[in-house]
Amino acid sequence: MTDLIACLSTGKGTIVHVERVIEGMEWGKIFLISDGMFKDKFNCSKEAELIIVDKNKTISEMSDEIKKALSGKISDLEVGLNIVSGEGKEHMAIISALLSLGLGIRLVALTREGVKVI
C-alpha cells in the first residue's frame, strides 16, 4: 500500500484539505511535513507521523532533515505526495528529499470526485 507524504503548513483551508486526502484513500503510512504550527489543530482519525522542519533553514538543510526523518521508513518505491499546503521553499525541500531517497512521486489531491492522483 502506498505511503502518503503531505505538507501541512500555511494556506487557508489547507488543514481540511490534508485531512480529507488522508481520509479519502487507504495509505500504508502517513507522514506530515510541518513547521509545527498546526500540530495541535490537526485532527485526523488515522495515525500519522509528524516531521517538524524549521522554515528558517535553507532548502538544503530542510531537505536533509526530511531525508533523515524518512530514511528507512517508506515501504515502497513511490509515495503519494500532497503539497497543496505550504510554500515553494517547503515544496522544493520535500521533493528534493524524496528524489534523493530514490523515490518516485504521485501527486494526489482532493477533487470534486474525491481523492485522485493528478
Protein backbone atom coordinates (compact mmCIF):
# COMPACT_ATOMS: atom_id res chain seq x y z
CA MET A 1 0.00 0.00 0.00
CA THR A 2 1.29 3.44 -0.92
CA ASP A 3 2.57 5.78 1.79
CA LEU A 4 1.44 9.41 1.87
CA ILE A 5 3.67 12.43 2.33
CA ALA A 6 1.75 15.68 2.86
CA CYS A 7 2.89 19.21 3.55
CA LEU A 8 0.89 20.68 6.44
CA SER A 9 1.69 24.36 6.52
CA THR A 10 0.24 27.74 5.66
CA GLY A 11 -2.76 28.46 3.49
CA LYS A 12 -6.44 28.98 4.16
CA GLY A 13 -8.36 25.71 4.27
CA THR A 14 -5.32 23.50 3.85
CA ILE A 15 -5.76 21.65 7.15
CA VAL A 16 -9.18 20.42 5.99
CA HIS A 17 -7.78 19.54 2.55
CA VAL A 18 -4.96 17.43 4.06
CA GLU A 19 -7.38 15.74 6.48
CA ARG A 20 -9.67 14.79 3.57
CA VAL A 21 -6.77 13.47 1.48
CA ILE A 22 -5.78 11.25 4.41
CA GLU A 23 -9.34 10.03 4.92
CA GLY A 24 -10.10 9.70 1.21
CA MET A 25 -7.78 6.78 0.41
CA GLU A 26 -6.12 3.85 2.10
CA TRP A 27 -2.49 4.65 2.90
CA GLY A 28 0.29 2.47 4.21
CA LYS A 29 1.97 5.08 6.40
CA ILE A 30 1.24 8.78 6.61
CA PHE A 31 3.93 11.41 7.09
CA LEU A 32 3.09 15.09 7.61
CA ILE A 33 5.84 17.65 6.96
CA SER A 34 5.17 20.75 9.03
CA ASP A 35 6.75 23.62 10.92
CA GLY A 36 4.62 22.53 13.88
CA MET A 37 2.26 25.49 13.64
CA PHE A 38 -0.84 23.32 13.24
CA LYS A 39 0.14 20.26 15.26
CA ASP A 40 -2.47 20.97 17.96
CA LYS A 41 -5.19 21.92 15.44
CA PHE A 42 -4.83 18.92 13.15
CA ASN A 43 -7.37 16.22 13.90
CA CYS A 44 -7.39 13.01 11.91
CA SER A 45 -8.63 9.55 12.77
CA LYS A 46 -5.66 7.84 11.08
CA GLU A 47 -2.23 7.58 12.63
CA ALA A 48 0.32 9.95 11.11
CA GLU A 49 3.94 10.75 11.87
CA LEU A 50 4.65 14.46 12.16
CA ILE A 51 8.02 15.60 10.82
CA ILE A 52 8.83 19.09 12.07
CA VAL A 53 11.09 21.25 9.90
CA ASP A 54 12.44 24.72 10.56
CA LYS A 55 11.32 27.01 7.72
CA ASN A 56 14.09 29.46 8.63
CA LYS A 57 16.70 26.96 7.42
CA THR A 58 17.88 26.70 3.82
CA ILE A 59 16.15 24.39 1.35
CA SER A 60 19.14 22.03 1.52
CA GLU A 61 19.04 21.91 5.33
CA MET A 62 15.29 21.30 5.32
CA SER A 63 15.70 18.58 2.70
CA ASP A 64 18.37 16.88 4.81
CA GLU A 65 16.08 16.94 7.87
CA ILE A 66 13.26 15.36 5.87
CA LYS A 67 15.56 12.71 4.34
CA LYS A 68 16.87 11.79 7.78
CA ALA A 69 13.34 11.55 9.22
CA LEU A 70 12.04 9.38 6.33
CA SER A 71 15.10 7.20 5.79
CA GLY A 72 14.17 3.52 6.09
CA LYS A 73 10.51 4.25 6.80
CA ILE A 74 8.97 4.24 3.30
CA SER A 75 7.56 0.87 2.34
CA ASP A 76 7.53 1.15 -1.47
CA LEU A 77 9.43 2.70 -4.39
CA GLU A 78 6.98 5.58 -4.72
CA VAL A 79 4.82 7.73 -2.48
CA GLY A 80 1.65 9.75 -2.79
CA LEU A 81 2.55 13.43 -2.38
CA ASN A 82 0.21 16.27 -1.48
CA ILE A 83 1.69 19.77 -1.49
CA VAL A 84 -1.46 21.88 -1.62
CA SER A 85 -0.45 23.36 1.71
CA GLY A 86 2.73 25.36 2.17
CA GLU A 87 5.14 27.45 0.15
CA GLY A 88 7.59 26.80 -2.66
CA LYS A 89 10.59 26.53 -0.31
CA GLU A 90 8.91 23.74 1.66
CA HIS A 91 7.78 22.02 -1.52
CA MET A 92 11.27 22.09 -3.00
CA ALA A 93 12.76 20.65 0.19
CA ILE A 94 10.21 17.82 0.26
CA ILE A 95 10.60 16.95 -3.42
CA SER A 96 14.40 17.11 -3.14
CA ALA A 97 14.35 14.77 -0.13
CA LEU A 98 12.05 12.26 -1.80
CA LEU A 99 14.03 12.18 -5.04
CA SER A 100 17.32 11.94 -3.11
CA LEU A 101 15.91 8.88 -1.35
CA GLY A 102 15.30 7.35 -4.79
CA LEU A 103 11.52 7.53 -4.50
CA GLY A 104 9.02 8.17 -7.24
CA ILE A 105 6.15 10.52 -6.51
CA ARG A 106 2.48 10.56 -7.47
CA LEU A 107 0.76 13.86 -6.82
CA VAL A 108 -2.54 13.36 -5.02
CA ALA A 109 -5.23 15.92 -4.26
CA LEU A 110 -8.81 16.26 -3.14
CA THR A 111 -11.10 16.87 -6.11
CA ARG A 112 -14.86 17.11 -6.51
CA GLU A 113 -14.83 13.39 -7.26
CA GLY A 114 -12.76 12.55 -4.17
CA VAL A 115 -9.04 11.97 -3.70
CA LYS A 116 -7.33 11.41 -7.03
CA VAL A 117 -3.88 11.01 -8.50
CA ILE A 118 -3.24 14.17 -10.52
